[in-house]
Amino acid sequence: MTWVSYNFHALTIIISAIGLFLTVVGGFFALLQWKQNTMLKRAEIIKQIVDKLRYEKEMADITYMVEYDRFKYTREFHRDTHLEQRIDSLLALLDYACYLRFNKIIRKREFSILEYRIVRIVGRRDIQAYLWNLHHFARANNTICSFSHLVKLGLINRLFPTEFESSTCESFKNKKFLNF
């Protein structure tokens, strides 16, 4: 091997090593950029949910109605389409937030921004009675409850009476308004 071919061979190794190093550095920066974009996207999702709960008048009104126990789950509730739709919209939004958390799309720290409000709403007895009715109605019809993630959160955090899973729950026996 001549001196020139030896230097050429060493030079190609050095150039390859530099190329590999730059590829690794570029990959590292791409990973950082991806993580930052993912974090921003999760923050955007949380902000949209918070904005909807706090600043959209109809949603804010129904949220406060539930939080301050002005919502009552009675037999007439299912006859008042407007009220039922408003409650369902609120529960659907909260259920979506729980879905995101349970599927690890948002982290616990991010979910904590919404958790107080969700726990406060799911902790309301009349909301629990409504969820209990929907949960057991869905079971009786071999389908998934509309707000299954809220129910899951309530069960995990022990927000519901211990007999919630029973269709003959004593706590809600006078609130059974659906056929199951």
C-alpha atoms as a PDB file:
ATOM      1  CA  MET A   1       0.000   0.000   0.000  1.00  0.00           C
ATOM      2  CA  THR A   2       1.459   3.345  -0.997  1.00  0.00           C
ATOM      3  CA  TRP A   3       1.497   6.391   1.135  1.00  0.00           C
ATOM      4  CA  VAL A   4      -1.088   8.138  -1.081  1.00  0.00           C
ATOM      5  CA  SER A   5      -3.547   5.244  -1.038  1.00  0.00           C
ATOM      6  CA  TYR A   6      -3.079   4.939   2.734  1.00  0.00           C
ATOM      7  CA  ASN A   7      -3.895   8.662   3.225  1.00  0.00           C
ATOM      8  CA  PHE A   8      -6.857   8.372   0.840  1.00  0.00           C
ATOM      9  CA  HIS A   9      -8.169   5.385   2.802  1.00  0.00           C
ATOM     10  CA  ALA A  10      -7.723   7.242   6.122  1.00  0.00           C
ATOM     11  CA  LEU A  11      -9.402  10.301   4.665  1.00  0.00           C
ATOM     12  CA  THR A  12     -12.483   8.277   3.568  1.00  0.00           C
ATOM     13  CA  ILE A  13     -12.715   6.767   7.069  1.00  0.00           C
ATOM     14  CA  ILE A  14     -12.537  10.214   8.636  1.00  0.00           C
ATOM     15  CA  ILE A  15     -15.161  11.605   6.225  1.00  0.00           C
ATOM     16  CA  SER A  16     -17.432   8.622   6.933  1.00  0.00           C
ATOM     17  CA  ALA A  17     -16.998   9.113  10.679  1.00  0.00           C
ATOM     18  CA  ILE A  18     -17.801  12.817  10.374  1.00  0.00           C
ATOM     19  CA  GLY A  19     -20.868  11.972   8.280  1.00  0.00           C
ATOM     20  CA  LEU A  20     -22.015   9.433  10.857  1.00  0.00           C
ATOM     21  CA  PHE A  21     -21.424  11.944  13.673  1.00  0.00           C
ATOM     22  CA  LEU A  22     -23.420  14.632  11.852  1.00  0.00           C
ATOM     23  CA  THR A  23     -26.238  12.142  11.196  1.00  0.00           C
ATOM     24  CA  VAL A  24     -26.381  11.240  14.891  1.00  0.00           C
ATOM     25  CA  VAL A  25     -26.357  14.929  15.899  1.00  0.00           C
ATOM     26  CA  GLY A  26     -29.074  15.676  13.320  1.00  0.00           C
ATOM     27  CA  GLY A  27     -31.139  12.744  14.605  1.00  0.00           C
ATOM     28  CA  PHE A  28     -30.761  14.026  18.151  1.00  0.00           C
ATOM     29  CA  PHE A  29     -31.991  17.491  17.176  1.00  0.00           C
ATOM     30  CA  ALA A  30     -34.856  15.960  15.193  1.00  0.00           C
ATOM     31  CA  LEU A  31     -35.843  13.969  18.278  1.00  0.00           C
ATOM     32  CA  LEU A  32     -35.766  17.119  20.428  1.00  0.00           C
ATOM     33  CA  GLN A  33     -37.903  18.952  17.868  1.00  0.00           C
ATOM     34  CA  TRP A  34     -40.394  16.054  17.734  1.00  0.00           C
ATOM     35  CA  LYS A  35     -40.675  15.969  21.547  1.00  0.00           C
ATOM     36  CA  GLN A  36     -41.229  19.717  21.688  1.00  0.00           C
ATOM     37  CA  ASN A  37     -43.904  19.573  18.968  1.00  0.00           C
ATOM     38  CA  THR A  38     -45.633  16.682  20.750  1.00  0.00           C
ATOM     39  CA  MET A  39     -45.623  18.600  24.024  1.00  0.00           C
ATOM     40  CA  LEU A  40     -47.042  21.688  22.313  1.00  0.00           C
ATOM     41  CA  LYS A  41     -49.775  19.617  20.667  1.00  0.00           C
ATOM     42  CA  ARG A  42     -50.779  18.125  24.031  1.00  0.00           C
ATOM     43  CA  ALA A  43     -50.806  21.614  25.563  1.00  0.00           C
ATOM     44  CA  GLU A  44     -53.008  22.802  22.706  1.00  0.00           C
ATOM     45  CA  ILE A  45     -55.489  19.964  23.318  1.00  0.00           C
ATOM     46  CA  ILE A  46     -55.671  20.807  27.042  1.00  0.00           C
ATOM     47  CA  LYS A  47     -56.102  24.502  26.269  1.00  0.00           C
ATOM     48  CA  GLN A  48     -58.981  23.762  23.892  1.00  0.00           C
ATOM     49  CA  ILE A  49     -60.767  21.705  26.539  1.00  0.00           C
ATOM     50  CA  VAL A  50     -60.174  24.313  29.262  1.00  0.00           C
ATOM     51  CA  ASP A  51     -61.301  27.138  26.965  1.00  0.00           C
ATOM     52  CA  LYS A  52     -64.460  25.253  26.092  1.00  0.00           C
ATOM     53  CA  LEU A  53     -65.258  24.563  29.765  1.00  0.00           C
ATOM     54  CA  ARG A  54     -64.540  28.071  30.996  1.00  0.00           C
ATOM     55  CA  TYR A  55     -65.218  30.472  28.154  1.00  0.00           C
ATOM     56  CA  GLU A  56     -67.970  29.034  25.970  1.00  0.00           C
ATOM     57  CA  LYS A  57     -71.042  30.441  27.667  1.00  0.00           C
ATOM     58  CA  GLU A  58     -73.345  27.445  27.320  1.00  0.00           C
ATOM     59  CA  MET A  59     -70.670  24.985  28.450  1.00  0.00           C
ATOM     60  CA  ALA A  60     -69.593  27.238  31.340  1.00  0.00           C
ATOM     61  CA  ASP A  61     -73.221  27.648  32.448  1.00  0.00           C
ATOM     62  CA  ILE A  62     -73.899  23.909  32.481  1.00  0.00           C
ATOM     63  CA  THR A  63     -70.560  23.238  34.202  1.00  0.00           C
ATOM     64  CA  TYR A  64     -71.390  25.611  37.034  1.00  0.00           C
ATOM     65  CA  MET A  65     -74.938  24.257  37.232  1.00  0.00           C
ATOM     66  CA  VAL A  66     -73.519  20.788  37.871  1.00  0.00           C
ATOM     67  CA  GLU A  67     -70.657  21.876  40.107  1.00  0.00           C
ATOM     68  CA  TYR A  68     -72.939  23.825  42.413  1.00  0.00           C
ATOM     69  CA  ASP A  69     -75.607  21.096  42.613  1.00  0.00           C
ATOM     70  CA  ARG A  70     -78.244  22.984  40.643  1.00  0.00           C
ATOM     71  CA  PHE A  71     -78.550  20.027  38.255  1.00  0.00           C
ATOM     72  CA  LYS A  72     -80.983  17.387  39.454  1.00  0.00           C
ATOM     73  CA  TYR A  73     -81.316  14.025  37.769  1.00  0.00           C
ATOM     74  CA  THR A  74     -85.034  13.330  37.768  1.00  0.00           C
ATOM     75  CA  ARG A  75     -87.445  11.435  35.545  1.00  0.00           C
ATOM     76  CA  GLU A  76     -88.184  14.724  33.726  1.00  0.00           C
ATOM     77  CA  PHE A  77     -84.511  15.059  32.729  1.00  0.00           C
ATOM     78  CA  HIS A  78     -84.949  12.665  29.804  1.00  0.00           C
ATOM     79  CA  ARG A  79     -87.966  14.663  28.598  1.00  0.00           C
ATOM     80  CA  ASP A  80     -85.982  17.927  28.533  1.00  0.00           C
ATOM     81  CA  THR A  81     -83.981  17.374  25.355  1.00  0.00           C
ATOM     82  CA  HIS A  82     -82.133  20.683  25.615  1.00  0.00           C
ATOM     83  CA  LEU A  83     -80.893  20.037  29.157  1.00  0.00           C
ATOM     84  CA  GLU A  84     -79.976  16.430  28.377  1.00  0.00           C
ATOM     85  CA  GLN A  85     -77.975  17.548  25.328  1.00  0.00           C
ATOM     86  CA  ARG A  86     -76.131  20.173  27.377  1.00  0.00           C
ATOM     87  CA  ILE A  87     -75.282  17.665  30.130  1.00  0.00           C
ATOM     88  CA  ASP A  88     -74.235  15.104  27.505  1.00  0.00           C
ATOM     89  CA  SER A  89     -71.981  17.689  25.819  1.00  0.00           C
ATOM     90  CA  LEU A  90     -70.278  18.419  29.129  1.00  0.00           C
ATOM     91  CA  LEU A  91     -69.851  14.741  29.965  1.00  0.00           C
ATOM     92  CA  ALA A  92     -68.607  13.967  26.435  1.00  0.00           C
ATOM     93  CA  LEU A  93     -65.911  16.629  26.741  1.00  0.00           C
ATOM     94  CA  LEU A  94     -64.811  15.331  30.144  1.00  0.00           C
ATOM     95  CA  ASP A  95     -64.974  11.742  28.894  1.00  0.00           C
ATOM     96  CA  TYR A  96     -62.699  12.721  25.992  1.00  0.00           C
ATOM     97  CA  ALA A  97     -60.161  14.178  28.443  1.00  0.00           C
ATOM     98  CA  CYS A  98     -60.266  10.916  30.422  1.00  0.00           C
ATOM     99  CA  TYR A  99     -59.880   8.951  27.181  1.00  0.00           C
ATOM    100  CA  LEU A 100     -56.750  10.962  26.367  1.00  0.00           C
ATOM    101  CA  ARG A 101     -55.327  10.266  29.817  1.00  0.00           C
ATOM    102  CA  PHE A 102     -56.140   6.558  29.919  1.00  0.00           C
ATOM    103  CA  ASN A 103     -54.580   6.100  26.466  1.00  0.00           C
ATOM    104  CA  LYS A 104     -51.478   8.059  27.542  1.00  0.00           C
ATOM    105  CA  ILE A 105     -51.992  10.727  24.907  1.00  0.00           C
ATOM    106  CA  ILE A 106     -51.730  13.309  27.664  1.00  0.00           C
ATOM    107  CA  ARG A 107     -49.619  12.872  30.771  1.00  0.00           C
ATOM    108  CA  LYS A 108     -50.725  12.905  34.386  1.00  0.00           C
ATOM    109  CA  ARG A 109     -49.208  16.360  34.874  1.00  0.00           C
ATOM    110  CA  GLU A 110     -51.172  17.717  31.904  1.00  0.00           C
ATOM    111  CA  PHE A 111     -54.356  15.962  32.990  1.00  0.00           C
ATOM    112  CA  SER A 112     -54.064  17.525  36.448  1.00  0.00           C
ATOM    113  CA  ILE A 113     -55.142  20.850  34.904  1.00  0.00           C
ATOM    114  CA  LEU A 114     -58.564  19.274  34.237  1.00  0.00           C
ATOM    115  CA  GLU A 115     -58.678  16.693  37.008  1.00  0.00           C
ATOM    116  CA  TYR A 116     -60.101  18.914  39.738  1.00  0.00           C
ATOM    117  CA  ARG A 117     -63.058  19.940  37.587  1.00  0.00           C
ATOM    118  CA  ILE A 118     -63.647  16.385  36.339  1.00  0.00           C
ATOM    119  CA  VAL A 119     -63.542  14.913  39.846  1.00  0.00           C
ATOM    120  CA  ARG A 120     -65.798  17.671  41.107  1.00  0.00           C
ATOM    121  CA  ILE A 121     -68.392  16.994  38.402  1.00  0.00           C
ATOM    122  CA  VAL A 122     -68.197  13.195  38.535  1.00  0.00           C
ATOM    123  CA  GLY A 123     -68.431  13.426  42.321  1.00  0.00           C
ATOM    124  CA  ARG A 124     -71.874  15.040  42.121  1.00  0.00           C
ATOM    125  CA  ARG A 125     -74.570  12.585  43.201  1.00  0.00           C
ATOM    126  CA  ASP A 126     -77.013  13.422  40.398  1.00  0.00           C
ATOM    127  CA  ILE A 127     -74.282  13.028  37.740  1.00  0.00           C
ATOM    128  CA  GLN A 128     -73.382   9.701  39.339  1.00  0.00           C
ATOM    129  CA  ALA A 129     -77.017   8.611  39.168  1.00  0.00           C
ATOM    130  CA  TYR A 130     -77.151   9.541  35.476  1.00  0.00           C
ATOM    131  CA  LEU A 131     -73.871   7.718  34.762  1.00  0.00           C
ATOM    132  CA  TRP A 132     -75.132   4.701  36.731  1.00  0.00           C
ATOM    133  CA  ASN A 133     -78.284   4.590  34.590  1.00  0.00           C
ATOM    134  CA  LEU A 134     -76.306   4.900  31.345  1.00  0.00           C
ATOM    135  CA  HIS A 135     -73.709   2.360  32.479  1.00  0.00           C
ATOM    136  CA  HIS A 136     -76.291  -0.302  33.316  1.00  0.00           C
ATOM    137  CA  PHE A 137     -78.496   0.518  30.323  1.00  0.00           C
ATOM    138  CA  ALA A 138     -75.466  -0.018  28.061  1.00  0.00           C
ATOM    139  CA  ARG A 139     -74.598  -3.263  29.827  1.00  0.00           C
ATOM    140  CA  ALA A 140     -78.145  -4.554  29.444  1.00  0.00           C
ATOM    141  CA  ASN A 141     -77.911  -3.786  25.730  1.00  0.00           C
ATOM    142  CA  ASN A 142     -74.431  -5.318  25.307  1.00  0.00           C
ATOM    143  CA  THR A 143     -72.758  -2.081  24.322  1.00  0.00           C
ATOM    144  CA  ILE A 144     -70.260   0.379  25.763  1.00  0.00           C
ATOM    145  CA  CYS A 145     -71.509   3.244  27.909  1.00  0.00           C
ATOM    146  CA  SER A 146     -71.346   6.647  26.221  1.00  0.00           C
ATOM    147  CA  PHE A 147     -69.158   7.962  29.015  1.00  0.00           C
ATOM    148  CA  SER A 148     -67.185   4.827  29.832  1.00  0.00           C
ATOM    149  CA  HIS A 149     -63.965   6.726  30.555  1.00  0.00           C
ATOM    150  CA  LEU A 150     -65.707   8.917  33.111  1.00  0.00           C
ATOM    151  CA  VAL A 151     -67.177   5.813  34.710  1.00  0.00           C
ATOM    152  CA  LYS A 152     -63.708   4.241  34.745  1.00  0.00           C
ATOM    153  CA  LEU A 153     -62.248   7.357  36.393  1.00  0.00           C
ATOM    154  CA  GLY A 154     -65.046   7.324  38.979  1.00  0.00           C
ATOM    155  CA  LEU A 155     -64.421   3.674  39.777  1.00  0.00           C
ATOM    156  CA  ILE A 156     -60.626   4.004  39.937  1.00  0.00           C
ATOM    157  CA  ASN A 157     -60.792   7.080  42.186  1.00  0.00           C
ATOM    158  CA  ARG A 158     -63.581   5.585  44.304  1.00  0.00           C
ATOM    159  CA  LEU A 159     -65.881   8.517  43.616  1.00  0.00           C
ATOM    160  CA  PHE A 160     -68.930   6.254  43.286  1.00  0.00           C
ATOM    161  CA  PRO A 161     -70.766   4.313  45.956  1.00  0.00           C
ATOM    162  CA  THR A 162     -69.215   0.870  46.441  1.00  0.00           C
ATOM    163  CA  GLU A 163     -72.265  -0.837  44.904  1.00  0.00           C
ATOM    164  CA  PHE A 164     -72.128   1.268  41.681  1.00  0.00           C
ATOM    165  CA  GLU A 165     -71.397  -1.822  39.571  1.00  0.00           C
ATOM    166  CA  SER A 166     -74.624  -3.424  40.800  1.00  0.00           C
ATOM    167  CA  SER A 167     -77.775  -2.704  38.802  1.00  0.00           C
ATOM    168  CA  THR A 168     -79.654  -2.773  42.111  1.00  0.00           C
ATOM    169  CA  CYS A 169     -77.470  -0.107  43.742  1.00  0.00           C
ATOM    170  CA  GLU A 170     -79.215   1.116  46.901  1.00  0.00           C
ATOM    171  CA  SER A 171     -77.769   4.607  46.524  1.00  0.00           C
ATOM    172  CA  PHE A 172     -79.576   5.128  43.216  1.00  0.00           C
ATOM    173  CA  LYS A 173     -82.633   2.862  43.459  1.00  0.00           C
ATOM    174  CA  ASN A 174     -84.941   5.894  43.494  1.00  0.00           C
ATOM    175  CA  LYS A 175     -83.088   7.340  40.460  1.00  0.00           C
ATOM    176  CA  LYS A 176     -83.501   4.372  38.087  1.00  0.00           C
ATOM    177  CA  PHE A 177     -85.085   6.045  35.055  1.00  0.00           C
ATOM    178  CA  LEU A 178     -83.797   3.887  32.189  1.00  0.00           C
ATOM    179  CA  ASN A 179     -84.911   0.336  31.368  1.00  0.00           C
ATOM    180  CA  PHE A 180     -82.263  -2.186  32.373  1.00  0.00           C
END
